[in-house]
Protein backbone atom coordinates (compact mmCIF):
# COMPACT_ATOMS: atom_id res chain seq x y z
CA MET A 1 -34.58 -9.00 -11.16
CA SER A 2 -33.13 -8.99 -14.66
CA LEU A 3 -33.87 -6.46 -17.36
CA GLY A 4 -35.87 -9.08 -19.22
CA ARG A 5 -37.75 -10.43 -16.23
CA SER A 6 -38.75 -6.96 -15.07
CA ILE A 7 -41.23 -6.89 -17.94
CA HIS A 8 -41.35 -10.64 -18.49
CA SER A 9 -45.01 -11.54 -18.65
CA ASN A 10 -48.30 -10.10 -19.85
CA LYS A 11 -50.27 -12.76 -17.98
CA PRO A 12 -51.18 -11.85 -14.37
CA SER A 13 -50.96 -14.44 -11.58
CA MET A 14 -53.89 -15.27 -9.28
CA LEU A 15 -52.26 -13.21 -6.54
CA GLY A 16 -51.66 -10.38 -8.98
CA THR A 17 -55.32 -10.49 -10.04
CA ALA A 18 -56.49 -10.37 -6.42
CA VAL A 19 -54.18 -7.47 -5.64
CA SER A 20 -55.41 -5.71 -8.77
CA HIS A 21 -59.04 -5.99 -7.62
CA VAL A 22 -58.20 -4.61 -4.18
CA THR A 23 -56.20 -1.79 -5.75
CA ASN A 24 -59.08 -0.92 -8.08
CA ILE A 25 -61.47 -0.70 -5.14
CA ALA A 26 -59.06 1.37 -3.04
CA SER A 27 -58.40 3.73 -5.98
CA ASP A 28 -62.07 4.52 -6.71
CA PRO A 29 -62.94 7.89 -5.10
CA LEU A 30 -66.66 7.10 -5.24
CA LEU A 31 -66.19 3.98 -3.12
CA THR A 32 -63.68 5.40 -0.64
CA GLY A 33 -65.59 8.69 -0.44
CA ALA A 34 -68.93 6.94 0.16
CA LEU A 35 -67.44 4.77 2.91
CA LEU A 36 -65.80 7.81 4.49
CA TYR A 37 -69.11 9.68 4.46
CA LEU A 38 -70.99 6.76 6.05
CA LEU A 39 -68.42 6.40 8.82
CA THR A 40 -68.23 10.11 9.64
CA ARG A 41 -71.48 11.81 8.61
CA GLY A 42 -73.87 9.01 7.73
CA PRO A 43 -77.07 8.14 9.65
CA PRO A 44 -76.15 6.48 12.99
CA ARG A 45 -78.35 3.46 12.25
CA LEU A 46 -76.67 2.83 8.91
CA ARG A 47 -73.24 3.33 10.42
CA ALA A 48 -74.01 0.83 13.20
CA LYS A 49 -75.22 -1.70 10.63
CA LEU A 50 -72.05 -1.22 8.60
CA LEU A 51 -69.76 -1.74 11.60
CA ALA A 52 -71.74 -4.59 13.21
CA PRO A 53 -69.92 -7.45 11.41
CA PHE A 54 -66.60 -6.07 12.69
CA GLN A 55 -67.76 -5.75 16.29
CA SER A 56 -68.82 -9.34 16.85
CA SER A 57 -66.80 -11.85 18.83
CA GLY A 58 -65.83 -13.57 15.60
CA LEU A 59 -64.20 -10.44 14.14
CA PRO A 60 -63.61 -7.93 16.96
CA VAL A 61 -61.90 -5.19 14.96
CA PHE A 62 -63.92 -2.04 15.66
CA THR A 63 -65.32 -2.87 19.10
CA ASN A 64 -66.44 -0.21 21.59
CA THR A 65 -63.10 -0.35 23.36
CA SER A 66 -60.24 2.13 23.27
CA ALA A 67 -58.32 -0.18 20.93
CA GLY A 68 -61.34 -0.61 18.63
CA VAL A 69 -62.01 3.13 18.51
CA ALA A 70 -58.35 3.75 17.72
CA ARG A 71 -58.51 1.31 14.80
CA LEU A 72 -61.63 2.99 13.44
CA THR A 73 -59.95 6.38 13.72
CA LYS A 74 -56.98 5.07 11.74
CA LEU A 75 -59.32 3.63 9.09
CA ILE A 76 -61.05 7.00 8.73
CA SER A 77 -57.66 8.71 8.36
CA VAL A 78 -56.66 6.22 5.66
CA LEU A 79 -59.96 6.74 3.83
CA LYS A 80 -59.47 10.53 3.93
CA LEU A 81 -56.01 10.15 2.41
CA LEU A 82 -57.17 7.65 -0.24
CA THR A 83 -60.15 9.78 -1.23
CA SER A 84 -58.02 12.90 -1.56
CA LEU A 85 -55.40 11.09 -3.64
CA ASN A 86 -58.06 9.44 -5.79
CA VAL A 87 -59.78 12.76 -6.51
CA LEU A 88 -56.43 14.27 -7.50
CA ARG A 89 -55.69 11.25 -9.69
CA ARG A 90 -59.05 11.54 -11.44
CA ALA A 91 -58.46 15.26 -11.97
CA ASN A 92 -55.04 14.48 -13.42
CA THR A 93 -56.59 11.91 -15.77
CA ALA A 94 -59.23 14.39 -16.90
CA LEU A 95 -56.63 17.07 -17.61
CA ASN A 96 -54.45 14.58 -19.48
CA THR A 97 -57.44 13.54 -21.59
CA LEU A 98 -58.16 17.20 -22.38
CA ALA A 99 -54.50 17.78 -23.28
CA TRP A 100 -54.37 14.72 -25.56
CA SER A 101 -57.52 16.14 -27.20
CA ASN A 102 -55.38 19.16 -28.08
CA TRP A 103 -57.19 21.21 -25.43
CA THR A 104 -60.43 21.00 -27.39
CA LEU A 105 -63.69 19.87 -25.80
CA PRO A 106 -65.40 17.02 -27.71
CA TRP A 107 -68.45 19.12 -28.59
CA ARG A 108 -66.24 21.94 -29.91
CA SER A 109 -63.98 19.99 -32.26
CA ASN A 110 -61.98 22.04 -34.76
CA GLY A 111 -61.71 19.15 -37.20
CA THR A 112 -63.78 17.62 -39.95
CA ALA A 113 -65.94 14.64 -38.95
CA TRP A 114 -64.50 11.19 -39.59
CA GLN A 115 -66.32 8.95 -42.09
CA PHE A 116 -65.34 5.41 -41.20
CA GLY A 117 -67.69 2.66 -42.31
CA PRO A 118 -68.51 0.21 -45.10
CA GLN A 119 -68.33 3.01 -47.69
CA ARG A 120 -64.58 3.21 -46.99
CA ARG A 121 -64.32 6.98 -47.41
CA GLU A 122 -61.17 7.27 -45.30
CA VAL A 123 -57.74 6.12 -46.48
CA VAL A 124 -55.53 4.30 -43.94
CA LEU A 125 -51.88 3.70 -44.85
CA ILE A 126 -50.05 0.95 -42.93
CA THR A 127 -46.35 0.17 -43.29
CA GLY A 128 -45.18 -3.36 -42.65
CA GLY A 129 -48.66 -4.76 -43.25
CA SER A 130 -47.58 -8.19 -44.47
CA SER A 131 -46.92 -9.66 -41.04
CA GLY A 132 -47.12 -9.16 -37.27
CA PHE A 133 -49.05 -6.20 -35.94
CA GLY A 134 -49.44 -4.80 -39.45
CA TYR A 135 -51.09 -7.99 -40.70
CA GLU A 136 -53.71 -7.79 -37.94
CA MET A 137 -54.28 -4.06 -38.48
CA VAL A 138 -54.98 -4.59 -42.18
CA LYS A 139 -57.70 -7.08 -41.26
CA ALA A 140 -59.05 -4.79 -38.54
CA PHE A 141 -59.29 -1.65 -40.68
CA ALA A 142 -60.50 -3.27 -43.92
CA PRO A 143 -64.24 -3.12 -42.98
CA HIS A 144 -63.97 0.56 -42.02
CA ALA A 145 -61.69 2.24 -44.60
CA LYS A 146 -59.66 1.89 -47.75
CA VAL A 147 -56.37 0.33 -46.63
CA VAL A 148 -53.06 0.98 -48.40
CA VAL A 149 -50.08 -1.17 -47.39
CA ILE A 150 -46.36 -0.65 -47.99
CA ASP A 151 -44.02 -3.53 -47.25
CA ILE A 152 -40.85 -4.98 -48.74
CA VAL A 153 -42.18 -8.48 -48.07
CA ALA A 154 -44.73 -10.08 -50.41
CA PHE A 155 -48.36 -9.56 -49.43
CA PRO A 156 -50.28 -12.60 -48.10
CA ASP A 157 -53.03 -13.83 -50.44
CA GLU A 158 -55.68 -13.73 -47.71
CA LEU A 159 -55.09 -10.01 -47.23
CA ALA A 160 -54.91 -9.28 -50.95
CA ARG A 161 -58.40 -10.76 -51.34
CA LEU A 162 -59.94 -8.33 -48.85
CA PRO A 163 -62.07 -5.63 -50.52
CA GLY A 164 -60.64 -2.13 -50.40
CA VAL A 165 -57.07 -3.26 -49.64
CA PHE A 166 -54.19 -2.17 -51.89
CA PHE A 167 -50.59 -3.33 -51.64
CA TYR A 168 -47.40 -1.57 -52.77
CA GLN A 169 -44.09 -3.35 -52.47
CA GLY A 170 -41.41 -0.92 -51.41
CA ASP A 171 -38.22 -0.58 -49.41
CA LEU A 172 -38.64 1.89 -46.55
CA SER A 173 -34.87 2.25 -46.25
CA ASP A 174 -34.69 3.71 -49.79
CA THR A 175 -35.79 7.32 -49.25
CA PRO A 176 -35.90 8.49 -52.91
CA ALA A 177 -37.94 5.41 -53.92
CA LEU A 178 -40.25 5.90 -50.94
CA GLU A 179 -40.84 9.54 -51.90
CA GLU A 180 -41.85 8.45 -55.41
CA LEU A 181 -44.14 5.78 -53.98
CA CYS A 182 -45.86 8.34 -51.75
CA GLU A 183 -46.63 10.53 -54.77
CA ARG A 184 -48.05 7.52 -56.59
CA ILE A 185 -50.27 6.64 -53.64
CA LYS A 186 -51.61 10.22 -53.45
CA GLU A 187 -52.37 10.17 -57.17
CA GLU A 188 -54.15 6.82 -57.03
CA HIS A 189 -55.97 7.08 -53.68
CA GLY A 190 -56.20 10.75 -52.75
CA THR A 191 -55.58 12.12 -49.26
CA VAL A 192 -54.33 9.67 -46.66
CA SER A 193 -56.22 10.48 -43.47
CA VAL A 194 -54.59 7.88 -41.17
CA LEU A 195 -50.88 7.04 -41.29
CA ILE A 196 -49.74 4.04 -39.24
CA ASN A 197 -45.95 3.81 -39.04
CA ASN A 198 -45.71 0.18 -38.05
CA ALA A 199 -42.79 -1.36 -39.95
CA GLY A 200 -39.65 -2.03 -37.96
CA ILE A 201 -36.52 -4.15 -37.96
CA GLY A 202 -33.97 -5.22 -35.35
CA VAL A 203 -30.33 -6.26 -35.68
CA GLY A 204 -29.97 -8.34 -32.51
CA LYS A 205 -26.34 -7.53 -31.68
CA THR A 206 -24.49 -5.43 -29.16
CA LEU A 207 -23.54 -1.92 -30.22
CA LEU A 208 -19.90 -2.93 -30.84
CA GLU A 209 -20.91 -5.98 -32.87
CA THR A 210 -23.27 -4.01 -35.10
CA THR A 211 -21.88 -2.60 -38.34
CA ASN A 212 -22.47 0.99 -39.43
CA ALA A 213 -24.44 -0.27 -42.42
CA GLU A 214 -26.75 -2.32 -40.17
CA SER A 215 -27.40 0.62 -37.86
CA GLN A 216 -28.02 2.95 -40.78
CA LYS A 217 -30.60 0.60 -42.30
CA LEU A 218 -32.32 0.14 -38.94
CA PHE A 219 -32.69 3.90 -38.45
CA GLN A 220 -33.85 4.36 -42.03
CA VAL A 221 -36.66 1.85 -41.54
CA ASN A 222 -37.55 2.51 -37.89
CA LEU A 223 -37.29 6.30 -37.86
CA ILE A 224 -36.30 8.15 -41.05
CA SER A 225 -39.12 6.53 -43.06
CA HIS A 226 -41.57 7.92 -40.48
CA MET A 227 -40.36 11.44 -41.26
CA VAL A 228 -40.58 10.83 -45.02
CA LEU A 229 -44.17 9.59 -44.74
CA ILE A 230 -45.19 12.38 -42.36
CA ARG A 231 -43.81 15.03 -44.73
CA ALA A 232 -45.64 13.37 -47.62
CA PHE A 233 -49.09 12.94 -46.07
CA VAL A 234 -49.57 15.33 -43.13
CA PRO A 235 -49.97 18.44 -45.35
CA GLY A 236 -53.04 16.78 -46.88
CA MET A 237 -54.37 16.00 -43.40
CA LEU A 238 -53.94 19.63 -42.34
CA ALA A 239 -55.67 20.83 -45.51
CA GLN A 240 -58.74 18.68 -44.79
CA ARG A 241 -58.50 19.43 -41.04
CA LYS A 242 -58.56 15.75 -40.22
CA GLY A 243 -55.72 13.27 -39.71
CA HIS A 244 -54.20 10.71 -37.39
CA ILE A 245 -50.58 9.59 -37.14
CA VAL A 246 -50.11 6.32 -35.24
CA THR A 247 -46.60 5.21 -34.33
CA ILE A 248 -45.98 1.62 -33.30
CA ALA A 249 -43.13 2.21 -30.88
CA SER A 250 -42.27 -0.20 -28.07
CA MET A 251 -41.66 -0.50 -24.34
CA ALA A 252 -38.07 -0.18 -25.60
CA SER A 253 -38.84 3.56 -25.77
CA PHE A 254 -38.43 3.54 -21.98
CA VAL A 255 -36.10 0.58 -21.26
CA PRO A 256 -32.53 0.42 -22.65
CA ALA A 257 -32.24 -3.29 -23.39
CA PRO A 258 -28.75 -4.84 -23.78
CA GLY A 259 -28.35 -6.35 -27.23
CA LEU A 260 -31.01 -4.07 -28.72
CA ILE A 261 -29.52 -0.63 -28.14
CA ASP A 262 -29.93 0.69 -31.68
CA TYR A 263 -33.50 -0.62 -31.73
CA CYS A 264 -34.22 1.13 -28.41
CA ILE A 265 -32.74 4.38 -29.71
CA SER A 266 -35.01 4.20 -32.75
CA LYS A 267 -38.05 3.68 -30.53
CA VAL A 268 -37.12 6.62 -28.29
CA GLY A 269 -36.86 8.66 -31.49
CA ALA A 270 -40.23 7.39 -32.71
CA LEU A 271 -41.84 8.47 -29.43
CA TYR A 272 -40.27 11.93 -29.56
CA LEU A 273 -41.14 12.31 -33.24
CA THR A 274 -44.80 11.59 -32.49
CA GLU A 275 -45.03 13.96 -29.55
CA GLY A 276 -42.85 16.57 -31.28
CA LEU A 277 -45.18 16.51 -34.29
CA ARG A 278 -48.13 17.12 -31.96
CA ALA A 279 -46.32 20.09 -30.38
CA GLU A 280 -45.49 21.61 -33.76
CA ALA A 281 -49.03 21.10 -35.02
CA LEU A 282 -50.41 23.01 -32.03
CA ALA A 283 -47.73 25.70 -32.16
CA HIS A 284 -47.61 26.39 -35.90
CA TYR A 285 -50.77 25.29 -37.71
CA GLY A 286 -53.67 26.84 -35.81
CA PRO A 287 -57.09 25.15 -35.89
CA ALA A 288 -55.88 22.71 -38.57
CA GLY A 289 -53.05 21.64 -36.28
CA SER A 290 -55.38 21.07 -33.36
CA SER A 291 -57.45 18.71 -35.53
CA LEU A 292 -54.46 16.39 -35.97
CA CYS A 293 -54.42 13.26 -33.76
CA THR A 294 -51.15 11.62 -32.74
CA THR A 295 -50.78 8.28 -30.95
CA SER A 296 -47.73 6.29 -29.92
CA ILE A 297 -48.31 2.62 -29.11
CA HIS A 298 -45.84 0.83 -26.84
CA PRO A 299 -46.28 -2.96 -26.94
CA SER A 300 -44.57 -5.25 -24.47
CA TRP A 301 -44.16 -8.97 -25.21
CA HIS A 302 -46.33 -10.08 -28.14
CA ALA A 303 -46.19 -13.10 -30.42
CA THR A 304 -44.53 -11.38 -33.35
CA GLY A 305 -41.05 -10.77 -34.71
CA ILE A 306 -38.43 -11.13 -32.01
CA LEU A 307 -40.53 -13.57 -29.98
CA ALA A 308 -41.75 -15.58 -32.94
CA SER A 309 -38.13 -16.43 -33.75
CA ALA A 310 -37.12 -17.22 -30.17
CA GLY A 311 -38.93 -20.50 -29.63
CA LYS A 312 -41.12 -21.67 -26.76
CA ASP A 313 -38.27 -23.11 -24.67
CA LEU A 314 -36.42 -19.79 -24.56
CA LEU A 315 -39.62 -17.90 -23.71
CA ASP A 316 -40.45 -20.38 -20.94
CA LYS A 317 -36.92 -20.06 -19.57
CA HIS A 318 -37.44 -16.35 -18.99
CA GLY A 319 -41.07 -16.61 -17.92
CA ILE A 320 -42.34 -14.69 -20.96
CA VAL A 321 -46.01 -15.22 -21.78
CA PRO A 322 -46.62 -13.22 -24.96
CA ASP A 323 -49.98 -11.76 -25.88
CA PRO A 324 -51.39 -12.26 -29.40
CA PRO A 325 -50.69 -9.39 -31.83
CA THR A 326 -54.44 -8.75 -32.06
CA ARG A 327 -54.23 -7.03 -28.65
CA VAL A 328 -52.25 -4.25 -30.32
CA SER A 329 -54.38 -4.05 -33.47
CA GLU A 330 -57.52 -3.78 -31.33
CA VAL A 331 -56.06 -0.85 -29.38
CA VAL A 332 -54.99 0.94 -32.57
CA LEU A 333 -58.40 0.43 -34.19
CA LYS A 334 -60.16 1.81 -31.12
CA GLN A 335 -57.88 4.86 -30.94
CA VAL A 336 -58.40 5.70 -34.61
CA LEU A 337 -62.15 5.09 -34.83
CA LYS A 338 -62.73 7.25 -31.75
CA GLY A 339 -60.31 9.95 -32.93
CA ARG A 340 -58.21 9.78 -29.77
CA SER A 341 -54.62 10.85 -29.33
CA GLY A 342 -52.44 9.32 -26.66
CA ARG A 343 -49.41 7.39 -25.47
CA VAL A 344 -50.63 3.85 -24.92
CA CYS A 345 -48.84 0.85 -23.42
CA VAL A 346 -50.08 -2.61 -24.36
CA PRO A 347 -50.97 -4.10 -21.99
CA ARG A 348 -51.89 -1.11 -19.82
CA SER A 349 -50.15 -2.70 -16.84
CA GLN A 350 -46.80 -1.85 -18.44
CA GLU A 351 -47.40 1.87 -17.89
CA ARG A 352 -45.46 1.63 -14.63
CA TYR A 353 -42.24 1.32 -16.65
CA MET A 354 -42.75 4.62 -18.48
CA GLY A 355 -41.40 6.52 -15.48
CA VAL A 356 -38.39 4.30 -14.91
CA ARG A 357 -36.09 6.92 -16.44
CA GLY A 358 -36.91 9.24 -13.57
CA LEU A 359 -35.63 6.83 -10.92
CA PRO A 360 -32.15 7.23 -9.41
CA ARG A 361 -29.43 5.44 -11.35
CA TRP A 362 -28.78 2.90 -8.59
CA VAL A 363 -32.48 2.01 -8.41
CA GLN A 364 -32.62 1.44 -12.18
CA ASP A 365 -29.57 -0.82 -12.01
CA LEU A 366 -31.12 -2.90 -9.24
CA VAL A 367 -34.50 -3.15 -10.97
CA PHE A 368 -32.95 -4.24 -14.26
CA GLY A 369 -30.37 -6.65 -12.81
CA LEU A 370 -27.35 -4.65 -13.90
CA VAL A 371 -25.60 -4.98 -10.53
CA GLY A 372 -23.10 -7.84 -10.71
CA ARG A 373 -23.34 -8.15 -14.49
CA GLY A 374 -20.28 -10.41 -14.46
CA SER A 375 -22.46 -13.16 -13.03
CA GLY A 376 -24.34 -13.35 -16.31
CA ARG A 377 -27.65 -11.83 -15.22
CA ALA A 378 -29.87 -9.59 -17.37
CA GLY A 379 -29.37 -11.88 -20.34
CA THR A 380 -32.99 -12.12 -21.46
CA PHE A 381 -32.83 -9.54 -24.21
CA ARG A 382 -29.46 -10.72 -25.45
CA GLU A 383 -30.63 -14.31 -25.88
CA LEU A 384 -33.79 -13.17 -27.61
CA ALA A 385 -31.82 -10.79 -29.78
CA ASP A 386 -29.41 -13.56 -30.83
CA GLU A 387 -32.31 -15.77 -31.96
CA HIS A 388 -34.01 -12.82 -33.63
CA GLY A 389 -30.90 -11.93 -35.59
CA LYS A 390 -30.83 -15.43 -37.06
CA SER A 391 -34.38 -14.94 -38.38
CA GLY A 392 -33.63 -11.82 -40.40
CA GLY A 393 -34.48 -9.11 -37.89
CA ARG A 394 -38.10 -8.24 -38.74
CA VAL A 395 -40.13 -7.09 -35.74
């Protein structure tokens, strides 16, 4: 399996869908626990009725023979194991949810209540709002808040016509100019309560082919600008005890893709910046810090930027079926409106790749097709990166 193919498609197959349904059933502690109870402690009449279809001549699985009893005993053992694991998994999920809520129960929130709605009392700042994910997020947030957009690219007319949307043209790689622009935004719109660091660029070359100037600009846009904006707007969030920082990272935060190394490094940094900010807020800013929400979003293949420039033939060659960018904007909107922090992969099925860094080196190389590289495997990202570089590098 190549590095590209390992996360090649967002569209499940029929077999994958069937397996998913079976997995969902087997991973529900209420279902496995109820079945276990019926088979071990349930009323004899109900148990007999449950087993009857599997004791007939047509399906003689759990017959009253030594072999049938042995099979039933094995099933009960499996159900005990599944139920125990499922209960532990649910407990882990509950504790993670509590942790992402900054260890604060919902009915004991330390923060000020959010005021999203048609009155547009909250201010949402989105970088890179002229295209891609940012374009969709501007449309999504416009009915709920005042939306401020920073982008170096001209703003589309259809977005400019939306009520409560304000556009500022600016270069995120120019730190002094960005600092001035932040002060202007605070003067004209007040406290920004939601900061969405969405803008990003890619170079689309190997590390040795990339110039120092190209790498520097990429890190300025993809990472340093995040820090500039956080320093500018988070103090106001802490003062009002209400704020949310959303980082549009990538599955590249977890997968080192050949031909996109500097991009991957920037996305690892974006992830650590988001989670590091959360840690500092809890450690240094008391109740105000615990009211701060932080979310990193990790999209897989979506029809924006690098894929938009690749062309259908190249996508088909590598089996890539991209999702629409609205999938990401919908997730971000839901996270913000509900005041949730988190680390979210889009689609959720990609979460299995978050732990790939913990696998042994040889396993990672096999999974990502890096064994026998001389044969030309693992070229998905490189081909996409080449096409993307021709289009100007916007992601």
